[in-house]
Amino acid sequence: MFSGIVEALGKVAEIRSEPPGCRLVIREPKIAAATAVADSISVNGCCLTVVETDEETMAFQAGPETLSRTNLGDLQPGSPVNLERALAVGDRLGGHFVSGHIDGVGRLLEREDHGQWSDCWFSVPQALAVQMAPKGSIAVDGVSLTVVQSEPQRFSVALIPYTLAVTTLGSLRVGDKVNLETDILAKYVQRLIEAKGWDW
């Protein structure tokens, strides 16, 4: 479980082919130094298990399902990634509960910059849009954000200078893919509503 508060920007150091998947080697000395094999790390919002680590890098294995259903399959050596270690019991929860299980992929549709601030519209699969509401929470590439406007196939967020500076969201361009995870509470509410129509 994560909070959606990005701890650091890492960089992809290497991508090794391990058919049918690959091994992602990510460089970020601060987090690598405090990480052990089998730890869970959120990489662009996707929960991955550390399989190898040294003083500067961490390695993860990503299978075909993960690579095809997230933006991790588009990473190249040098690509920046958002990193967050799993929550520890007793930690403050600065964002919202984020599982690290990506629900879908969206794309940046529009970006309007206001000095160091930005308003962004992202596409969203309609099946996920029903789990979103204005002032609700959404994780975009693992970053906990507040939804400003929510429509059947898109939503908007307002990004502060700090978020733009310390996450991958600052370098996004129109058309770029982002990983989306809706609020876990919304999933359960939707399921309860669906269950009322079940033939018991």
N, C-alpha and C. Protein backbone atom coordinates (compact mmCIF):
# COMPACT_ATOMS: atom_id res chain seq x y z
N MET A 1 0.84 -1.19 0.00
CA MET A 1 0.00 0.00 0.00
C MET A 1 0.89 1.25 0.00
N PHE A 2 0.44 2.26 -0.75
CA PHE A 2 1.21 3.49 -0.91
C PHE A 2 0.31 4.69 -0.62
N SER A 3 0.91 5.88 -0.62
CA SER A 3 0.13 7.09 -0.34
C SER A 3 -0.01 8.00 -1.56
N GLY A 4 0.78 7.75 -2.61
CA GLY A 4 0.76 8.63 -3.76
C GLY A 4 1.61 9.87 -3.59
N ILE A 5 2.45 9.88 -2.55
CA ILE A 5 3.39 10.99 -2.35
C ILE A 5 4.76 10.52 -2.84
N VAL A 6 5.17 11.01 -3.99
CA VAL A 6 6.41 10.55 -4.62
C VAL A 6 7.61 10.95 -3.77
N GLU A 7 8.48 9.98 -3.51
CA GLU A 7 9.68 10.23 -2.70
C GLU A 7 10.85 10.74 -3.53
N ALA A 8 10.95 10.26 -4.75
CA ALA A 8 12.10 10.63 -5.57
C ALA A 8 11.83 10.32 -7.03
N LEU A 9 12.56 11.02 -7.89
CA LEU A 9 12.57 10.71 -9.31
C LEU A 9 13.76 9.79 -9.58
N GLY A 10 13.49 8.62 -10.12
CA GLY A 10 14.58 7.74 -10.52
C GLY A 10 14.76 7.79 -12.02
N LYS A 11 15.80 7.13 -12.52
CA LYS A 11 16.01 7.02 -13.96
C LYS A 11 16.25 5.57 -14.32
N VAL A 12 15.69 5.18 -15.46
CA VAL A 12 15.92 3.82 -15.95
C VAL A 12 17.37 3.72 -16.37
N ALA A 13 18.12 2.84 -15.70
CA ALA A 13 19.53 2.65 -16.03
C ALA A 13 19.73 1.60 -17.10
N GLU A 14 18.84 0.59 -17.10
CA GLU A 14 19.01 -0.51 -18.05
C GLU A 14 17.69 -1.27 -18.16
N ILE A 15 17.43 -1.82 -19.32
CA ILE A 15 16.30 -2.72 -19.53
C ILE A 15 16.85 -4.01 -20.13
N ARG A 16 16.77 -5.08 -19.36
CA ARG A 16 17.30 -6.36 -19.84
C ARG A 16 16.15 -7.26 -20.26
N SER A 17 16.27 -7.84 -21.44
CA SER A 17 15.24 -8.76 -21.92
C SER A 17 15.28 -10.05 -21.12
N GLU A 18 14.12 -10.43 -20.58
CA GLU A 18 13.96 -11.70 -19.89
C GLU A 18 12.63 -12.29 -20.35
N PRO A 19 12.60 -12.83 -21.58
CA PRO A 19 11.34 -13.28 -22.17
C PRO A 19 10.54 -14.18 -21.22
N PRO A 20 9.21 -13.97 -21.16
CA PRO A 20 8.44 -13.04 -21.98
C PRO A 20 8.39 -11.62 -21.43
N GLY A 21 9.12 -11.33 -20.36
CA GLY A 21 9.12 -10.00 -19.77
C GLY A 21 10.47 -9.34 -19.87
N CYS A 22 10.78 -8.52 -18.87
CA CYS A 22 12.07 -7.85 -18.85
C CYS A 22 12.45 -7.52 -17.41
N ARG A 23 13.69 -7.11 -17.24
CA ARG A 23 14.19 -6.65 -15.95
C ARG A 23 14.46 -5.15 -16.08
N LEU A 24 13.79 -4.38 -15.24
CA LEU A 24 13.99 -2.92 -15.21
C LEU A 24 14.99 -2.60 -14.11
N VAL A 25 16.07 -1.94 -14.48
CA VAL A 25 17.06 -1.50 -13.50
C VAL A 25 16.93 0.01 -13.38
N ILE A 26 16.63 0.47 -12.18
CA ILE A 26 16.36 1.89 -11.95
C ILE A 26 17.38 2.45 -10.98
N ARG A 27 17.95 3.60 -11.34
CA ARG A 27 18.97 4.24 -10.52
C ARG A 27 18.35 5.35 -9.66
N GLU A 28 18.53 5.22 -8.36
CA GLU A 28 18.12 6.26 -7.42
C GLU A 28 18.80 5.93 -6.09
N PRO A 29 19.99 6.49 -5.86
CA PRO A 29 20.80 6.08 -4.71
C PRO A 29 20.12 6.22 -3.35
N LYS A 30 19.34 7.27 -3.13
CA LYS A 30 18.72 7.49 -1.82
C LYS A 30 17.78 6.35 -1.47
N ILE A 31 16.93 5.96 -2.40
CA ILE A 31 15.98 4.88 -2.13
C ILE A 31 16.66 3.52 -2.19
N ALA A 32 17.58 3.34 -3.13
CA ALA A 32 18.27 2.06 -3.25
C ALA A 32 19.01 1.69 -1.97
N ALA A 33 19.61 2.69 -1.33
CA ALA A 33 20.38 2.43 -0.11
C ALA A 33 19.52 1.94 1.04
N ALA A 34 18.23 2.26 1.00
CA ALA A 34 17.32 1.87 2.09
C ALA A 34 16.38 0.75 1.67
N THR A 35 16.72 0.06 0.58
CA THR A 35 15.84 -0.96 0.01
C THR A 35 16.49 -2.32 0.06
N ALA A 36 15.67 -3.35 0.27
CA ALA A 36 16.15 -4.73 0.30
C ALA A 36 15.38 -5.56 -0.71
N VAL A 37 15.96 -6.68 -1.10
CA VAL A 37 15.27 -7.61 -2.00
C VAL A 37 13.95 -8.01 -1.36
N ALA A 38 12.90 -8.07 -2.16
CA ALA A 38 11.52 -8.43 -1.78
C ALA A 38 10.71 -7.22 -1.32
N ASP A 39 11.33 -6.03 -1.19
CA ASP A 39 10.56 -4.83 -0.87
C ASP A 39 9.65 -4.46 -2.04
N SER A 40 8.56 -3.79 -1.72
CA SER A 40 7.64 -3.29 -2.75
C SER A 40 7.92 -1.81 -2.98
N ILE A 41 8.04 -1.45 -4.26
CA ILE A 41 8.26 -0.06 -4.65
C ILE A 41 7.24 0.32 -5.71
N SER A 42 6.66 1.49 -5.58
CA SER A 42 5.77 2.01 -6.62
C SER A 42 6.62 2.69 -7.68
N VAL A 43 6.53 2.18 -8.91
CA VAL A 43 7.25 2.74 -10.05
C VAL A 43 6.21 3.29 -11.02
N ASN A 44 6.12 4.61 -11.12
CA ASN A 44 5.05 5.24 -11.90
C ASN A 44 3.67 4.72 -11.48
N GLY A 45 3.54 4.46 -10.16
CA GLY A 45 2.26 4.01 -9.64
C GLY A 45 2.03 2.52 -9.68
N CYS A 46 2.96 1.78 -10.27
CA CYS A 46 2.82 0.33 -10.41
C CYS A 46 3.65 -0.37 -9.34
N CYS A 47 3.01 -1.18 -8.51
CA CYS A 47 3.71 -1.87 -7.43
C CYS A 47 4.58 -2.98 -8.01
N LEU A 48 5.89 -2.87 -7.81
CA LEU A 48 6.84 -3.87 -8.28
C LEU A 48 7.69 -4.37 -7.11
N THR A 49 8.17 -5.61 -7.23
CA THR A 49 8.99 -6.22 -6.19
C THR A 49 10.46 -6.12 -6.55
N VAL A 50 11.26 -5.68 -5.60
CA VAL A 50 12.70 -5.58 -5.81
C VAL A 50 13.30 -6.98 -5.86
N VAL A 51 14.02 -7.29 -6.94
CA VAL A 51 14.64 -8.62 -7.07
C VAL A 51 16.17 -8.56 -6.95
N GLU A 52 16.71 -7.33 -7.00
CA GLU A 52 18.15 -7.15 -6.91
C GLU A 52 18.40 -5.68 -6.55
N THR A 53 19.40 -5.44 -5.72
CA THR A 53 19.69 -4.06 -5.35
C THR A 53 21.16 -3.89 -5.00
N ASP A 54 21.66 -2.68 -5.21
CA ASP A 54 23.01 -2.33 -4.75
C ASP A 54 22.93 -0.91 -4.20
N GLU A 55 24.05 -0.24 -4.05
CA GLU A 55 24.05 1.09 -3.41
C GLU A 55 23.35 2.17 -4.25
N GLU A 56 23.22 1.94 -5.54
CA GLU A 56 22.66 2.99 -6.40
C GLU A 56 21.44 2.57 -7.20
N THR A 57 21.25 1.26 -7.41
CA THR A 57 20.17 0.81 -8.30
C THR A 57 19.31 -0.26 -7.64
N MET A 58 18.11 -0.41 -8.23
CA MET A 58 17.18 -1.47 -7.86
C MET A 58 16.71 -2.12 -9.15
N ALA A 59 16.53 -3.43 -9.12
CA ALA A 59 16.05 -4.14 -10.30
C ALA A 59 14.70 -4.78 -10.01
N PHE A 60 13.84 -4.76 -11.02
CA PHE A 60 12.49 -5.31 -10.92
C PHE A 60 12.22 -6.17 -12.15
N GLN A 61 11.42 -7.21 -12.00
CA GLN A 61 10.99 -8.00 -13.14
C GLN A 61 9.56 -7.61 -13.49
N ALA A 62 9.34 -7.29 -14.75
CA ALA A 62 8.02 -6.91 -15.23
C ALA A 62 7.58 -7.88 -16.31
N GLY A 63 6.42 -8.50 -16.11
CA GLY A 63 5.90 -9.47 -17.06
C GLY A 63 5.13 -8.82 -18.18
N PRO A 64 4.72 -9.62 -19.16
CA PRO A 64 4.00 -9.07 -20.32
C PRO A 64 2.70 -8.37 -19.96
N GLU A 65 2.00 -8.86 -18.94
CA GLU A 65 0.74 -8.22 -18.52
C GLU A 65 1.01 -6.79 -18.03
N THR A 66 2.01 -6.65 -17.17
CA THR A 66 2.37 -5.33 -16.65
C THR A 66 2.83 -4.40 -17.76
N LEU A 67 3.66 -4.92 -18.65
CA LEU A 67 4.22 -4.09 -19.72
C LEU A 67 3.15 -3.63 -20.70
N SER A 68 2.13 -4.46 -20.94
CA SER A 68 1.10 -4.12 -21.92
C SER A 68 -0.01 -3.25 -21.34
N ARG A 69 -0.22 -3.31 -20.04
CA ARG A 69 -1.34 -2.61 -19.42
C ARG A 69 -0.94 -1.34 -18.66
N THR A 70 0.34 -1.00 -18.70
CA THR A 70 0.83 0.22 -18.06
C THR A 70 1.77 0.94 -19.01
N ASN A 71 2.28 2.10 -18.59
CA ASN A 71 3.25 2.79 -19.44
C ASN A 71 4.67 2.31 -19.21
N LEU A 72 4.85 1.27 -18.37
CA LEU A 72 6.20 0.75 -18.15
C LEU A 72 6.77 0.12 -19.42
N GLY A 73 5.91 -0.37 -20.28
CA GLY A 73 6.37 -0.96 -21.53
C GLY A 73 6.96 0.05 -22.49
N ASP A 74 6.72 1.34 -22.24
CA ASP A 74 7.24 2.40 -23.10
C ASP A 74 8.55 3.00 -22.59
N LEU A 75 9.01 2.55 -21.42
CA LEU A 75 10.22 3.12 -20.85
C LEU A 75 11.45 2.79 -21.68
N GLN A 76 12.40 3.72 -21.66
CA GLN A 76 13.67 3.55 -22.34
C GLN A 76 14.78 3.89 -21.34
N PRO A 77 16.01 3.43 -21.57
CA PRO A 77 17.10 3.88 -20.71
C PRO A 77 17.16 5.41 -20.66
N GLY A 78 17.22 5.93 -19.46
CA GLY A 78 17.21 7.38 -19.28
C GLY A 78 15.85 7.95 -18.93
N SER A 79 14.77 7.16 -19.12
CA SER A 79 13.43 7.65 -18.79
C SER A 79 13.31 7.92 -17.29
N PRO A 80 12.69 9.04 -16.91
CA PRO A 80 12.45 9.29 -15.49
C PRO A 80 11.24 8.49 -15.01
N VAL A 81 11.26 8.10 -13.74
CA VAL A 81 10.13 7.37 -13.14
C VAL A 81 9.89 7.89 -11.73
N ASN A 82 8.62 7.92 -11.34
CA ASN A 82 8.24 8.29 -9.98
C ASN A 82 8.43 7.08 -9.06
N LEU A 83 9.05 7.29 -7.90
CA LEU A 83 9.32 6.21 -6.97
C LEU A 83 8.73 6.52 -5.59
N GLU A 84 8.14 5.50 -4.99
CA GLU A 84 7.66 5.59 -3.61
C GLU A 84 7.78 4.23 -2.95
N ARG A 85 8.36 4.21 -1.76
CA ARG A 85 8.42 2.97 -0.99
C ARG A 85 7.07 2.71 -0.34
N ALA A 86 6.79 1.44 -0.04
CA ALA A 86 5.52 1.08 0.60
C ALA A 86 5.39 1.77 1.95
N LEU A 87 4.15 2.05 2.33
CA LEU A 87 3.88 2.68 3.62
C LEU A 87 4.29 1.77 4.76
N ALA A 88 4.79 2.37 5.83
CA ALA A 88 5.04 1.65 7.07
C ALA A 88 3.89 1.94 8.03
N VAL A 89 3.51 0.95 8.83
CA VAL A 89 2.44 1.16 9.80
C VAL A 89 2.84 2.29 10.74
N GLY A 90 1.94 3.24 10.91
CA GLY A 90 2.21 4.39 11.77
C GLY A 90 2.65 5.63 11.02
N ASP A 91 2.95 5.48 9.69
CA ASP A 91 3.32 6.65 8.90
C ASP A 91 2.14 7.60 8.73
N ARG A 92 2.43 8.89 8.57
CA ARG A 92 1.38 9.82 8.20
C ARG A 92 0.94 9.52 6.77
N LEU A 93 -0.34 9.69 6.50
CA LEU A 93 -0.87 9.46 5.16
C LEU A 93 -1.14 10.81 4.52
N GLY A 94 -0.17 11.28 3.71
CA GLY A 94 -0.28 12.60 3.13
C GLY A 94 -1.14 12.67 1.88
N GLY A 95 -1.32 11.54 1.19
CA GLY A 95 -2.10 11.55 -0.05
C GLY A 95 -3.42 10.81 0.16
N HIS A 96 -3.56 9.63 -0.48
CA HIS A 96 -4.70 8.76 -0.24
C HIS A 96 -4.22 7.32 -0.41
N PHE A 97 -5.05 6.35 -0.03
CA PHE A 97 -4.64 4.97 -0.15
C PHE A 97 -4.51 4.57 -1.62
N VAL A 98 -3.30 4.17 -2.00
CA VAL A 98 -2.99 3.76 -3.38
C VAL A 98 -2.44 2.33 -3.31
N SER A 99 -3.06 1.43 -4.07
CA SER A 99 -2.67 0.01 -3.98
C SER A 99 -1.46 -0.33 -4.85
N GLY A 100 -1.22 0.47 -5.88
CA GLY A 100 -0.16 0.14 -6.83
C GLY A 100 -0.62 -0.82 -7.91
N HIS A 101 -1.92 -1.07 -7.99
CA HIS A 101 -2.49 -1.92 -9.04
C HIS A 101 -3.18 -1.02 -10.06
N ILE A 102 -2.57 -0.88 -11.21
CA ILE A 102 -3.04 0.08 -12.23
C ILE A 102 -4.37 -0.37 -12.82
N ASP A 103 -5.32 0.56 -12.87
CA ASP A 103 -6.64 0.26 -13.42
C ASP A 103 -6.73 0.48 -14.93
N GLY A 104 -5.92 1.38 -15.44
CA GLY A 104 -5.96 1.68 -16.86
C GLY A 104 -4.93 2.73 -17.22
N VAL A 105 -4.86 3.01 -18.50
CA VAL A 105 -3.91 3.99 -19.02
C VAL A 105 -4.69 5.14 -19.66
N GLY A 106 -4.26 6.36 -19.38
CA GLY A 106 -4.82 7.53 -20.02
C GLY A 106 -3.74 8.26 -20.80
N ARG A 107 -4.13 9.34 -21.43
CA ARG A 107 -3.16 10.18 -22.16
C ARG A 107 -3.41 11.64 -21.82
N LEU A 108 -2.32 12.41 -21.81
CA LEU A 108 -2.47 13.86 -21.62
C LEU A 108 -3.12 14.45 -22.86
N LEU A 109 -4.30 15.04 -22.69
CA LEU A 109 -5.03 15.63 -23.81
C LEU A 109 -4.73 17.12 -23.99
N GLU A 110 -4.68 17.84 -22.88
CA GLU A 110 -4.44 19.28 -22.93
C GLU A 110 -3.59 19.67 -21.73
N ARG A 111 -2.76 20.68 -21.92
CA ARG A 111 -1.98 21.23 -20.82
C ARG A 111 -1.93 22.74 -20.97
N GLU A 112 -2.40 23.43 -19.95
CA GLU A 112 -2.39 24.88 -19.97
C GLU A 112 -1.51 25.36 -18.81
N ASP A 113 -0.38 25.95 -19.16
CA ASP A 113 0.56 26.42 -18.15
C ASP A 113 0.26 27.86 -17.76
N HIS A 114 0.33 28.11 -16.45
CA HIS A 114 0.14 29.45 -15.90
C HIS A 114 1.38 29.77 -15.08
N GLY A 115 2.42 30.23 -15.73
CA GLY A 115 3.68 30.41 -15.04
C GLY A 115 4.23 29.06 -14.63
N GLN A 116 4.40 28.84 -13.32
CA GLN A 116 4.92 27.57 -12.83
C GLN A 116 3.81 26.58 -12.48
N TRP A 117 2.57 26.93 -12.74
CA TRP A 117 1.43 26.08 -12.43
C TRP A 117 0.87 25.51 -13.74
N SER A 118 0.16 24.39 -13.66
CA SER A 118 -0.41 23.79 -14.88
C SER A 118 -1.78 23.19 -14.59
N ASP A 119 -2.69 23.37 -15.55
CA ASP A 119 -3.98 22.67 -15.56
C ASP A 119 -3.91 21.62 -16.66
N CYS A 120 -4.24 20.38 -16.33
CA CYS A 120 -4.10 19.29 -17.29
C CYS A 120 -5.39 18.50 -17.41
N TRP A 121 -5.70 18.12 -18.65
CA TRP A 121 -6.82 17.20 -18.93
C TRP A 121 -6.23 15.88 -19.41
N PHE A 122 -6.72 14.78 -18.84
CA PHE A 122 -6.30 13.44 -19.24
C PHE A 122 -7.49 12.65 -19.74
N SER A 123 -7.26 11.79 -20.72
CA SER A 123 -8.31 10.85 -21.13
C SER A 123 -8.41 9.76 -20.08
N VAL A 124 -9.58 9.15 -20.00
CA VAL A 124 -9.79 8.05 -19.06
C VAL A 124 -10.80 7.08 -19.68
N PRO A 125 -10.57 5.77 -19.57
CA PRO A 125 -11.58 4.81 -20.05
C PRO A 125 -12.90 5.05 -19.31
N GLN A 126 -14.00 4.98 -20.04
CA GLN A 126 -15.30 5.30 -19.44
C GLN A 126 -15.62 4.39 -18.25
N ALA A 127 -15.13 3.16 -18.30
CA ALA A 127 -15.38 2.23 -17.20
C ALA A 127 -14.75 2.72 -15.90
N LEU A 128 -13.68 3.50 -16.01
CA LEU A 128 -13.05 4.07 -14.82
C LEU A 128 -13.65 5.41 -14.43
N ALA A 129 -14.19 6.13 -15.42
CA ALA A 129 -14.75 7.45 -15.16
C ALA A 129 -15.89 7.39 -14.15
N VAL A 130 -16.62 6.26 -14.11
CA VAL A 130 -17.73 6.14 -13.15
C VAL A 130 -17.21 6.07 -11.71
N GLN A 131 -15.91 5.83 -11.54
CA GLN A 131 -15.33 5.76 -10.20
C GLN A 131 -14.66 7.09 -9.81
N MET A 132 -14.91 8.13 -10.57
CA MET A 132 -14.27 9.42 -10.33
C MET A 132 -15.31 10.51 -10.12
N ALA A 133 -14.96 11.50 -9.30
CA ALA A 133 -15.86 12.62 -9.04
C ALA A 133 -15.02 13.85 -8.70
N PRO A 134 -15.54 15.04 -9.02
CA PRO A 134 -14.83 16.26 -8.63
C PRO A 134 -14.52 16.26 -7.13
N LYS A 135 -13.32 16.66 -6.77
CA LYS A 135 -12.80 16.70 -5.41
C LYS A 135 -12.43 15.31 -4.89
N GLY A 136 -12.60 14.28 -5.72
CA GLY A 136 -12.16 12.94 -5.34
C GLY A 136 -10.68 12.77 -5.63
N SER A 137 -10.17 11.59 -5.31
CA SER A 137 -8.74 11.32 -5.49
C SER A 137 -8.48 10.43 -6.70
N ILE A 138 -7.35 10.65 -7.34
CA ILE A 138 -6.88 9.84 -8.46
C ILE A 138 -5.36 9.77 -8.37
N ALA A 139 -4.80 8.62 -8.71
CA ALA A 139 -3.35 8.48 -8.79
C ALA A 139 -2.96 8.49 -10.26
N VAL A 140 -2.14 9.44 -10.66
CA VAL A 140 -1.65 9.56 -12.03
C VAL A 140 -0.15 9.31 -12.01
N ASP A 141 0.28 8.20 -12.64
CA ASP A 141 1.68 7.77 -12.55
C ASP A 141 2.15 7.69 -11.10
N GLY A 142 1.23 7.28 -10.22
CA GLY A 142 1.58 7.10 -8.82
C GLY A 142 1.51 8.35 -7.99
N VAL A 143 1.10 9.48 -8.58
CA VAL A 143 1.01 10.74 -7.85
C VAL A 143 -0.42 10.96 -7.39
N SER A 144 -0.62 11.13 -6.09
CA SER A 144 -1.94 11.40 -5.54
C SER A 144 -2.38 12.81 -5.91
N LEU A 145 -3.51 12.89 -6.63
CA LEU A 145 -4.02 14.19 -7.09
C LEU A 145 -5.51 14.30 -6.78
N THR A 146 -5.99 15.54 -6.75
CA THR A 146 -7.41 15.81 -6.57
C THR A 146 -8.03 16.10 -7.93
N VAL A 147 -9.14 15.43 -8.23
CA VAL A 147 -9.85 15.66 -9.48
C VAL A 147 -10.53 17.02 -9.42
N VAL A 148 -10.33 17.82 -10.45
CA VAL A 148 -11.01 19.12 -10.53
C VAL A 148 -12.33 18.95 -11.26
N GLN A 149 -12.28 18.48 -12.50
CA GLN A 149 -13.49 18.21 -13.27
C GLN A 149 -13.45 16.76 -13.75
N SER A 150 -14.62 16.13 -13.80
CA SER A 150 -14.71 14.74 -14.22
C SER A 150 -15.83 14.57 -15.24
N GLU A 151 -15.49 14.06 -16.41
CA GLU A 151 -16.44 13.83 -17.50
C GLU A 151 -16.37 12.37 -17.91
N PRO A 152 -17.30 11.88 -18.73
CA PRO A 152 -17.33 10.45 -19.06
C PRO A 152 -16.06 9.89 -19.67
N GLN A 153 -15.26 10.70 -20.36
CA GLN A 153 -14.06 10.16 -20.99
C GLN A 153 -12.80 10.99 -20.72
N ARG A 154 -12.88 11.94 -19.78
CA ARG A 154 -11.71 12.73 -19.45
C ARG A 154 -11.89 13.38 -18.08
N PHE A 155 -10.78 13.82 -17.51
CA PHE A 155 -10.82 14.52 -16.23
C PHE A 155 -9.68 15.52 -16.19
N SER A 156 -9.80 16.48 -15.28
CA SER A 156 -8.75 17.49 -15.16
C SER A 156 -8.20 17.54 -13.74
N VAL A 157 -6.95 18.00 -13.65
CA VAL A 157 -6.28 18.22 -12.37
C VAL A 157 -5.51 19.52 -12.46
N ALA A 158 -5.28 20.13 -11.31
CA ALA A 158 -4.46 21.35 -11.23
C ALA A 158 -3.16 20.97 -10.53
N LEU A 159 -2.04 21.24 -11.18
CA LEU A 159 -0.73 20.82 -10.66
C LEU A 159 0.04 22.02 -10.13
N ILE A 160 0.48 21.91 -8.88
CA ILE A 160 1.23 22.99 -8.25
C ILE A 160 2.70 22.91 -8.67
N PRO A 161 3.45 23.99 -8.52
CA PRO A 161 4.85 23.99 -8.94
C PRO A 161 5.68 22.86 -8.33
N TYR A 162 5.44 22.56 -7.04
CA TYR A 162 6.22 21.50 -6.38
C TYR A 162 6.02 20.16 -7.08
N THR A 163 4.77 19.80 -7.34
CA THR A 163 4.47 18.53 -8.00
C THR A 163 5.11 18.47 -9.39
N LEU A 164 5.05 19.56 -10.12
CA LEU A 164 5.64 19.60 -11.45
C LEU A 164 7.16 19.44 -11.40
N ALA A 165 7.78 19.94 -10.31
CA ALA A 165 9.24 19.92 -10.21
C ALA A 165 9.79 18.58 -9.74
N VAL A 166 9.02 17.84 -8.91
CA VAL A 166 9.59 16.64 -8.29
C VAL A 166 9.00 15.33 -8.80
N THR A 167 8.13 15.38 -9.81
CA THR A 167 7.56 14.17 -10.40
C THR A 167 7.70 14.22 -11.93
N THR A 168 7.36 13.12 -12.56
CA THR A 168 7.40 13.04 -14.02
C THR A 168 6.32 13.90 -14.67
N LEU A 169 5.34 14.34 -13.90
CA LEU A 169 4.24 15.09 -14.49
C LEU A 169 4.70 16.42 -15.08
N GLY A 170 5.78 16.96 -14.56
CA GLY A 170 6.28 18.23 -15.07
C GLY A 170 6.78 18.16 -16.49
N SER A 171 7.23 16.99 -16.93
CA SER A 171 7.78 16.86 -18.28
C SER A 171 6.80 16.25 -19.27
N LEU A 172 5.56 16.01 -18.83
CA LEU A 172 4.57 15.41 -19.74
C LEU A 172 4.25 16.32 -20.91
N ARG A 173 4.08 15.67 -22.07
CA ARG A 173 3.64 16.38 -23.27
C ARG A 173 2.33 15.80 -23.75
N VAL A 174 1.58 16.57 -24.49
CA VAL A 174 0.30 16.10 -25.02
C VAL A 174 0.53 14.80 -25.79
N GLY A 175 -0.28 13.80 -25.47
CA GLY A 175 -0.17 12.48 -26.10
C GLY A 175 0.55 11.46 -25.26
N ASP A 176 1.29 11.90 -24.23
CA ASP A 176 2.01 10.96 -23.38
C ASP A 176 1.04 10.10 -22.57
N LYS A 177 1.42 8.83 -22.37
CA LYS A 177 0.62 7.90 -21.58
C LYS A 177 0.89 8.09 -20.10
N VAL A 178 -0.15 7.87 -19.29
CA VAL A 178 0.00 7.88 -17.83
C VAL A 178 -0.77 6.70 -17.25
N ASN A 179 -0.24 6.16 -16.16
CA ASN A 179 -0.92 5.09 -15.43
C ASN A 179 -1.97 5.70 -14.51
N LEU A 180 -3.16 5.08 -14.47
CA LEU A 180 -4.26 5.58 -13.66
C LEU A 180 -4.70 4.54 -12.65
N GLU A 181 -4.91 4.99 -11.42
CA GLU A 181 -5.53 4.15 -10.40
C GLU A 181 -6.58 4.97 -9.69
N THR A 182 -7.84 4.53 -9.76
CA THR A 182 -8.92 5.25 -9.11
C THR A 182 -8.93 4.94 -7.62
N ASP A 183 -9.70 5.72 -6.88
CA ASP A 183 -9.77 5.59 -5.43
C ASP A 183 -10.37 4.23 -5.07
N ILE A 184 -9.71 3.51 -4.17
CA ILE A 184 -10.16 2.18 -3.79
C ILE A 184 -11.56 2.20 -3.19
N LEU A 185 -11.93 3.28 -2.50
CA LEU A 185 -13.28 3.37 -1.93
C LEU A 185 -14.34 3.41 -3.03
N ALA A 186 -14.03 4.10 -4.14
CA ALA A 186 -14.99 4.18 -5.24
C ALA A 186 -15.22 2.81 -5.86
N LYS A 187 -14.20 1.97 -5.90
CA LYS A 187 -14.35 0.62 -6.45
C LYS A 187 -15.37 -0.19 -5.65
N TYR A 188 -15.28 -0.09 -4.32
CA TYR A 188 -16.20 -0.85 -3.48
C TYR A 188 -17.62 -0.32 -3.56
N VAL A 189 -17.77 0.99 -3.66
CA VAL A 189 -19.11 1.56 -3.82
C VAL A 189 -19.73 1.07 -5.12
N GLN A 190 -18.94 1.10 -6.22
CA GLN A 190 -19.47 0.63 -7.50
C GLN A 190 -19.86 -0.83 -7.43
N ARG A 191 -19.05 -1.64 -6.75
CA ARG A 191 -19.33 -3.07 -6.63
C ARG A 191 -20.61 -3.32 -5.84
N LEU A 192 -20.83 -2.56 -4.78
CA LEU A 192 -22.05 -2.71 -4.00
C LEU A 192 -23.28 -2.37 -4.82
N ILE A 193 -23.16 -1.33 -5.65
CA ILE A 193 -24.29 -0.95 -6.51
C ILE A 193 -24.56 -2.05 -7.53
N GLU A 194 -23.50 -2.59 -8.14
CA GLU A 194 -23.67 -3.67 -9.12
C GLU A 194 -24.29 -4.90 -8.48
N ALA A 195 -23.90 -5.19 -7.24
CA ALA A 195 -24.37 -6.40 -6.57
C ALA A 195 -25.88 -6.38 -6.31
N LYS A 196 -26.46 -5.18 -6.25
CA LYS A 196 -27.91 -5.10 -6.02
C LYS A 196 -28.68 -5.72 -7.18
N GLY A 197 -28.06 -5.76 -8.36
CA GLY A 197 -28.72 -6.32 -9.53
C GLY A 197 -28.44 -7.80 -9.77
N TRP A 198 -27.65 -8.40 -8.89
CA TRP A 198 -27.31 -9.81 -9.07
C TRP A 198 -28.52 -10.70 -8.80
N ASP A 199 -28.56 -11.82 -9.49
CA ASP A 199 -29.60 -12.82 -9.28
C ASP A 199 -29.14 -13.75 -8.16
N TRP A 200 -29.60 -13.50 -6.97
CA TRP A 200 -29.19 -14.30 -5.82
C TRP A 200 -29.98 -15.61 -5.80
